[in-house]
N, C-alpha and C. Protein backbone atom coordinates (compact mmCIF):
# COMPACT_ATOMS: atom_id res chain seq x y z
N UNK A 1 -12.94 -10.15 5.94
CA UNK A 1 -12.78 -8.65 5.50
C UNK A 1 -13.41 -7.73 5.53
N UNK A 2 -13.86 -6.72 5.85
CA UNK A 2 -14.30 -5.84 5.98
C UNK A 2 -14.88 -5.16 4.50
N UNK A 3 -15.55 -4.81 3.81
CA UNK A 3 -16.24 -4.34 2.52
C UNK A 3 -14.71 -3.22 2.57
N UNK A 4 -14.54 -2.12 3.32
CA UNK A 4 -13.38 -1.12 3.38
C UNK A 4 -12.27 -1.17 3.28
N UNK A 5 -11.86 -2.34 3.61
CA UNK A 5 -10.48 -3.00 3.84
C UNK A 5 -10.55 -3.99 2.26
N UNK A 6 -8.99 -3.09 1.67
CA UNK A 6 -8.69 -3.98 0.21
C UNK A 6 -7.56 -4.68 0.32
N UNK A 7 -7.28 -5.31 -0.18
CA UNK A 7 -5.96 -5.60 -0.50
C UNK A 7 -5.64 -5.01 -1.83
N UNK A 8 -4.14 -4.55 -1.58
CA UNK A 8 -3.48 -4.26 -2.36
C UNK A 8 -2.21 -5.29 -2.82
N UNK A 9 -1.94 -5.82 -4.18
CA UNK A 9 -0.82 -6.80 -4.33
C UNK A 9 -0.09 -5.65 -5.35
N UNK A 10 1.20 -6.30 -5.73
CA UNK A 10 2.05 -5.99 -6.08
C UNK A 10 2.89 -6.58 -7.05
N UNK A 11 3.27 -6.43 -8.04
CA UNK A 11 4.23 -6.99 -8.85
C UNK A 11 5.60 -7.73 -8.28
N UNK A 12 6.27 -8.70 -8.29
CA UNK A 12 7.36 -9.07 -7.89
C UNK A 12 8.54 -7.87 -8.17
N UNK A 13 8.74 -7.68 -6.93
CA UNK A 13 9.87 -6.34 -7.04
C UNK A 13 11.20 -7.17 -6.26
N UNK A 14 11.85 -6.09 -6.13
CA UNK A 14 13.37 -6.24 -5.68
C UNK A 14 13.27 -5.81 -3.73
N UNK A 15 11.81 -5.56 -3.44
CA UNK A 15 11.81 -5.42 -2.03
C UNK A 15 11.55 -6.49 -0.69
N UNK A 16 10.54 -7.55 -2.04
CA UNK A 16 10.04 -8.49 -1.22
C UNK A 16 8.76 -8.04 -0.97
N UNK A 17 8.21 -6.86 -1.00
CA UNK A 17 6.68 -6.21 -0.65
C UNK A 17 5.71 -6.65 -1.58
N UNK A 18 4.74 -8.09 -1.19
CA UNK A 18 3.83 -8.62 -2.05
C UNK A 18 2.53 -7.92 -1.47
N UNK A 19 2.43 -7.52 -0.66
CA UNK A 19 0.72 -6.96 -0.68
C UNK A 19 0.54 -6.25 1.11
N UNK A 20 -0.13 -5.27 0.71
CA UNK A 20 -0.87 -4.35 1.51
C UNK A 20 -2.33 -4.25 1.90
N UNK A 21 -3.07 -4.47 3.60
CA UNK A 21 -4.25 -3.94 3.55
C UNK A 21 -4.66 -3.07 3.79
N UNK A 22 -5.09 -1.82 2.78
CA UNK A 22 -5.81 -0.90 3.25
C UNK A 22 -7.13 -0.52 3.49
N UNK A 23 -7.27 0.42 4.50
CA UNK A 23 -8.85 0.84 4.60
C UNK A 23 -9.02 1.69 3.75
N UNK A 24 -9.54 1.32 2.77
CA UNK A 24 -9.81 2.70 1.77
C UNK A 24 -11.16 3.85 2.50
N UNK A 25 -11.37 3.76 3.66
CA UNK A 25 -12.37 4.93 3.99
C UNK A 25 -11.56 6.16 4.92
N UNK A 26 -10.47 5.65 5.39
CA UNK A 26 -9.42 6.31 6.36
C UNK A 26 -8.04 6.63 5.40
N UNK A 27 -8.10 5.85 3.96
CA UNK A 27 -6.48 5.19 3.45
C UNK A 27 -5.67 5.21 4.55
N UNK A 28 -5.61 4.44 5.01
CA UNK A 28 -4.53 3.95 6.50
C UNK A 28 -4.00 2.37 5.83
N UNK A 29 -2.85 1.79 6.43
CA UNK A 29 -2.58 0.50 5.85
C UNK A 29 -3.01 0.19 7.25
N UNK A 30 -3.35 -1.15 6.95
CA UNK A 30 -3.99 -1.69 8.34
C UNK A 30 -3.02 -2.74 8.91
N UNK A 31 -2.62 -3.42 7.56
CA UNK A 31 -1.56 -5.12 7.76
C UNK A 31 -0.92 -4.98 6.49
N UNK A 32 0.11 -6.07 6.84
CA UNK A 32 1.52 -6.01 5.47
C UNK A 32 1.62 -7.49 5.38
N UNK A 33 2.43 -7.69 4.56
CA UNK A 33 3.53 -8.84 4.52
C UNK A 33 4.58 -8.75 5.37
N UNK A 34 5.66 -9.32 5.75
CA UNK A 34 6.84 -9.08 6.64
C UNK A 34 7.69 -8.28 5.81
N UNK A 35 7.87 -8.03 4.99
CA UNK A 35 8.58 -6.61 4.11
C UNK A 35 7.77 -5.36 4.40
N UNK A 36 6.54 -5.61 4.61
CA UNK A 36 5.98 -3.77 4.54
C UNK A 36 5.24 -4.02 5.86
N UNK A 37 5.89 -4.72 6.72
CA UNK A 37 5.42 -4.14 8.63
C UNK A 37 5.73 -3.02 8.89
N UNK A 38 7.08 -2.50 8.52
CA UNK A 38 7.03 -0.81 9.13
C UNK A 38 5.92 0.33 8.33
N UNK A 39 5.12 -0.37 7.50
CA UNK A 39 4.28 0.66 6.92
C UNK A 39 2.87 0.71 7.43
N UNK A 40 2.59 -0.23 8.41
CA UNK A 40 1.64 -0.34 8.74
C UNK A 40 0.96 0.81 9.98
N UNK A 41 -0.48 0.97 9.90
CA UNK A 41 -0.70 2.49 10.31
C UNK A 41 -0.70 4.37 10.06
N UNK A 42 -0.08 3.66 9.04
CA UNK A 42 0.32 5.23 7.44
C UNK A 42 -0.61 5.46 7.05
N UNK A 43 -0.63 6.90 6.65
CA UNK A 43 -1.73 7.10 4.88
C UNK A 43 -0.97 6.89 3.93
N UNK A 44 -1.67 6.57 3.91
CA UNK A 44 -1.44 5.88 1.89
C UNK A 44 -2.01 6.47 0.85
N UNK A 45 -1.79 6.48 -0.39
CA UNK A 45 -2.64 7.01 -1.81
C UNK A 45 -2.49 6.42 -2.87
N UNK A 46 -2.70 5.81 -3.73
CA UNK A 46 -2.65 5.33 -4.96
C UNK A 46 -1.61 6.76 -5.67
N UNK A 47 -1.06 6.43 -6.80
CA UNK A 47 -0.05 7.73 -7.54
C UNK A 47 -0.14 6.63 -8.92
N UNK A 48 -0.01 7.67 -9.96
CA UNK A 48 0.23 7.27 -11.17
C UNK A 48 -0.77 6.58 -11.88
N UNK A 49 -1.71 7.40 -11.81
CA UNK A 49 -3.32 6.64 -12.27
C UNK A 49 -3.49 5.13 -11.74
N UNK A 50 -2.81 4.65 -10.56
CA UNK A 50 -3.60 3.47 -10.24
C UNK A 50 -2.23 2.34 -10.08
N UNK A 51 -1.29 2.93 -10.62
CA UNK A 51 -0.23 1.67 -11.19
C UNK A 51 0.91 1.84 -9.72
N UNK A 52 1.31 3.03 -9.33
CA UNK A 52 2.15 3.19 -7.80
C UNK A 52 1.37 3.21 -7.03
N UNK A 53 1.53 3.59 -5.52
CA UNK A 53 1.05 3.48 -4.21
C UNK A 53 2.50 3.91 -3.78
N UNK A 54 1.94 5.26 -2.90
CA UNK A 54 2.71 6.05 -1.97
C UNK A 54 2.32 5.79 -0.52
N UNK A 55 2.77 6.28 0.33
CA UNK A 55 2.95 6.34 2.10
C UNK A 55 3.29 7.64 2.94
N UNK A 56 2.65 7.76 4.00
CA UNK A 56 2.85 9.08 4.04
C UNK A 56 4.38 9.04 5.48
N UNK A 57 5.17 9.72 4.68
CA UNK A 57 6.05 9.63 5.30
C UNK A 57 6.49 10.86 6.07
N UNK A 58 6.47 11.30 7.52
CA UNK A 58 5.97 12.51 8.02
C UNK A 58 5.05 13.73 7.48
N UNK A 59 5.64 14.83 6.66
CA UNK A 59 4.52 15.62 5.93
C UNK A 59 4.46 15.38 4.57
N UNK A 60 5.45 14.32 3.81
CA UNK A 60 5.35 14.04 2.50
C UNK A 60 5.14 12.30 1.96
N UNK A 61 4.76 12.29 0.79
CA UNK A 61 4.86 11.24 0.57
C UNK A 61 5.86 10.55 0.09
N UNK A 62 6.44 9.29 0.18
CA UNK A 62 7.24 8.60 -0.71
C UNK A 62 6.77 7.27 -1.82
N UNK A 63 7.22 7.56 -2.42
CA UNK A 63 6.63 6.21 -3.47
C UNK A 63 7.45 5.01 -3.53
N UNK A 64 6.66 4.19 -3.33
CA UNK A 64 6.46 2.72 -3.69
C UNK A 64 7.21 2.05 -4.94
N UNK A 65 8.48 1.80 -5.00
CA UNK A 65 8.75 1.74 -6.67
C UNK A 65 8.78 -0.17 -7.05
N UNK A 66 7.19 -0.39 -7.03
CA UNK A 66 6.68 -1.54 -7.37
C UNK A 66 5.69 -1.22 -7.55
N UNK A 67 5.33 -2.22 -9.25
CA UNK A 67 3.79 -1.59 -9.63
C UNK A 67 2.58 -2.20 -8.50
N UNK A 68 1.40 -1.92 -8.69
CA UNK A 68 0.72 -2.06 -8.41
C UNK A 68 0.35 -3.31 -9.37
N UNK A 69 -0.08 -4.49 -8.89
CA UNK A 69 -0.62 -5.17 -9.48
C UNK A 69 -2.42 -5.78 -9.45
N UNK A 70 -2.88 -5.37 -8.67
CA UNK A 70 -4.24 -5.98 -8.02
C UNK A 70 -4.53 -5.18 -6.98
N UNK A 71 -5.61 -4.69 -6.94
CA UNK A 71 -6.45 -3.86 -6.07
C UNK A 71 -8.25 -4.30 -5.38
N UNK A 72 -8.04 -5.03 -4.50
CA UNK A 72 -9.72 -5.60 -4.01
C UNK A 72 -9.72 -7.00 -3.23
């Protein structure tokens, strides 16, 4: 992985979402686990002081209700 691609891992959650790969230069999701495949190629950002993650859903951002465990 390039230095600008970071893996965001999530704490255990009811969505089955375990990780997303994010291009930190453009803040776009470039890869995801099976439960997050529908989020690939969407803009994203960290929220709630880095404990939550949001993705672009049209003109608004939607919060993923899973705690960010690690980014890196």
